[in-house]
C-alpha atoms as a PDB file:
ATOM      1  CA  UNK A   1    -148.156  19.941  16.711  1.00  0.00           C
ATOM      2  CA  UNK A   2    -146.663  20.513  20.139  1.00  0.00           C
ATOM      3  CA  UNK A   3    -143.687  18.363  21.098  1.00  0.00           C
ATOM      4  CA  UNK A   4    -143.818  16.122  24.117  1.00  0.00           C
ATOM      5  CA  UNK A   5    -140.866  15.342  26.329  1.00  0.00           C
ATOM      6  CA  UNK A   6    -140.492  12.539  28.855  1.00  0.00           C
ATOM      7  CA  UNK A   7    -137.736  12.808  31.454  1.00  0.00           C
ATOM      8  CA  UNK A   8    -135.636   9.656  31.797  1.00  0.00           C
ATOM      9  CA  UNK A   9    -132.307  10.961  33.066  1.00  0.00           C
ATOM     10  CA  UNK A  10    -131.704  12.369  36.492  1.00  0.00           C
ATOM     11  CA  UNK A  11    -129.334  15.163  35.448  1.00  0.00           C
ATOM     12  CA  UNK A  12    -131.283  16.781  32.619  1.00  0.00           C
ATOM     13  CA  UNK A  13    -133.899  19.456  32.379  1.00  0.00           C
ATOM     14  CA  UNK A  14    -135.557  21.637  29.776  1.00  0.00           C
ATOM     15  CA  UNK A  15    -134.788  25.166  28.653  1.00  0.00           C
ATOM     16  CA  UNK A  16    -137.799  27.030  27.266  1.00  0.00           C
ATOM     17  CA  UNK A  17    -136.916  30.519  26.052  1.00  0.00           C
ATOM     18  CA  UNK A  18    -134.912  32.144  28.858  1.00  0.00           C
ATOM     19  CA  UNK A  19    -136.225  29.882  31.631  1.00  0.00           C
ATOM     20  CA  UNK A  20    -134.708  26.551  32.651  1.00  0.00           C
ATOM     21  CA  UNK A  21    -137.020  23.962  34.179  1.00  0.00           C
ATOM     22  CA  UNK A  22    -135.884  21.128  36.413  1.00  0.00           C
ATOM     23  CA  UNK A  23    -137.432  17.788  35.507  1.00  0.00           C
ATOM     24  CA  UNK A  24    -137.167  14.687  37.644  1.00  0.00           C
ATOM     25  CA  UNK A  25    -137.293  11.141  36.256  1.00  0.00           C
ATOM     26  CA  UNK A  26    -140.846  10.329  35.180  1.00  0.00           C
ATOM     27  CA  UNK A  27    -141.802  13.986  34.601  1.00  0.00           C
ATOM     28  CA  UNK A  28    -143.088  15.119  31.242  1.00  0.00           C
ATOM     29  CA  UNK A  29    -143.440  18.475  29.477  1.00  0.00           C
ATOM     30  CA  UNK A  30    -145.837  19.706  26.819  1.00  0.00           C
ATOM     31  CA  UNK A  31    -144.969  23.009  25.143  1.00  0.00           C
ATOM     32  CA  UNK A  32    -145.435  25.054  21.988  1.00  0.00           C
ATOM     33  CA  UNK A  33    -142.821  24.188  19.375  1.00  0.00           C
ATOM     34  CA  UNK A  34    -142.495  27.844  18.346  1.00  0.00           C
ATOM     35  CA  UNK A  35    -140.952  28.603  21.743  1.00  0.00           C
ATOM     36  CA  UNK A  36    -137.130  28.270  21.574  1.00  0.00           C
ATOM     37  CA  UNK A  37    -136.315  25.077  23.462  1.00  0.00           C
ATOM     38  CA  UNK A  38    -133.423  22.738  24.132  1.00  0.00           C
ATOM     39  CA  UNK A  39    -132.409  20.095  26.676  1.00  0.00           C
ATOM     40  CA  UNK A  40    -130.506  21.510  29.633  1.00  0.00           C
ATOM     41  CA  UNK A  41    -128.142  19.758  32.031  1.00  0.00           C
ATOM     42  CA  UNK A  42    -128.728  20.567  35.671  1.00  0.00           C
ATOM     43  CA  UNK A  43    -125.121  19.857  36.688  1.00  0.00           C
ATOM     44  CA  UNK A  44    -122.968  21.507  34.070  1.00  0.00           C
ATOM     45  CA  UNK A  45    -119.800  21.390  36.156  1.00  0.00           C
ATOM     46  CA  UNK A  46    -119.898  17.597  36.484  1.00  0.00           C
ATOM     47  CA  UNK A  47    -118.034  15.443  33.984  1.00  0.00           C
ATOM     48  CA  UNK A  48    -120.073  12.420  32.829  1.00  0.00           C
ATOM     49  CA  UNK A  49    -118.450   9.474  34.562  1.00  0.00           C
ATOM     50  CA  UNK A  50    -120.093   6.575  32.741  1.00  0.00           C
ATOM     51  CA  UNK A  51    -117.900   6.498  29.609  1.00  0.00           C
ATOM     52  CA  UNK A  52    -114.696   7.199  31.541  1.00  0.00           C
ATOM     53  CA  UNK A  53    -115.317   4.355  33.962  1.00  0.00           C
ATOM     54  CA  UNK A  54    -115.941   1.986  31.033  1.00  0.00           C
ATOM     55  CA  UNK A  55    -112.743   3.096  29.282  1.00  0.00           C
ATOM     56  CA  UNK A  56    -110.767   2.577  32.491  1.00  0.00           C
ATOM     57  CA  UNK A  57    -112.248  -0.870  33.165  1.00  0.00           C
ATOM     58  CA  UNK A  58    -111.797  -2.029  29.566  1.00  0.00           C
ATOM     59  CA  UNK A  59    -108.208  -0.781  29.650  1.00  0.00           C
ATOM     60  CA  UNK A  60    -107.462  -2.709  32.846  1.00  0.00           C
ATOM     61  CA  UNK A  61    -109.201  -5.852  31.562  1.00  0.00           C
ATOM     62  CA  UNK A  62    -107.344  -5.614  28.242  1.00  0.00           C
ATOM     63  CA  UNK A  63    -103.993  -5.341  30.003  1.00  0.00           C
ATOM     64  CA  UNK A  64    -104.807  -8.316  32.232  1.00  0.00           C
ATOM     65  CA  UNK A  65    -105.720 -10.455  29.206  1.00  0.00           C
ATOM     66  CA  UNK A  66    -102.540  -9.367  27.407  1.00  0.00           C
ATOM     67  CA  UNK A  67    -100.414 -10.159  30.484  1.00  0.00           C
ATOM     68  CA  UNK A  68    -102.027 -13.603  30.748  1.00  0.00           C
ATOM     69  CA  UNK A  69    -101.330 -14.328  27.066  1.00  0.00           C
ATOM     70  CA  UNK A  70     -97.698 -13.231  27.437  1.00  0.00           C
ATOM     71  CA  UNK A  71     -97.424 -15.519  30.465  1.00  0.00           C
ATOM     72  CA  UNK A  72     -98.827 -18.456  28.471  1.00  0.00           C
ATOM     73  CA  UNK A  73     -96.477 -17.798  25.547  1.00  0.00           C
ATOM     74  CA  UNK A  74     -93.486 -17.595  27.884  1.00  0.00           C
ATOM     75  CA  UNK A  75     -94.475 -20.937  29.454  1.00  0.00           C
ATOM     76  CA  UNK A  76     -94.835 -22.479  26.009  1.00  0.00           C
ATOM     77  CA  UNK A  77     -91.425 -21.163  24.909  1.00  0.00           C
ATOM     78  CA  UNK A  78     -89.685 -22.648  27.963  1.00  0.00           C
ATOM     79  CA  UNK A  79     -91.302 -26.089  27.724  1.00  0.00           C
ATOM     80  CA  UNK A  80     -89.227 -28.920  26.146  1.00  0.00           C
END
């Protein structure tokens, strides 16, 4: 049975044997499974930014929540 591939990401492609094929979103590929194949990134020099942006935003949000809680505790400690 030949594998089928549907392109969903913008920065990925397909490597079949020695050749790399560029696939755009919505493209599909049908190939013989005996041919050596693997997914291939078109932009190998680019660092994926999605996870790093999430880590940065969660870190900032976590620090803001912690600062707000410290502020509330300091108000509660100073109240009569």
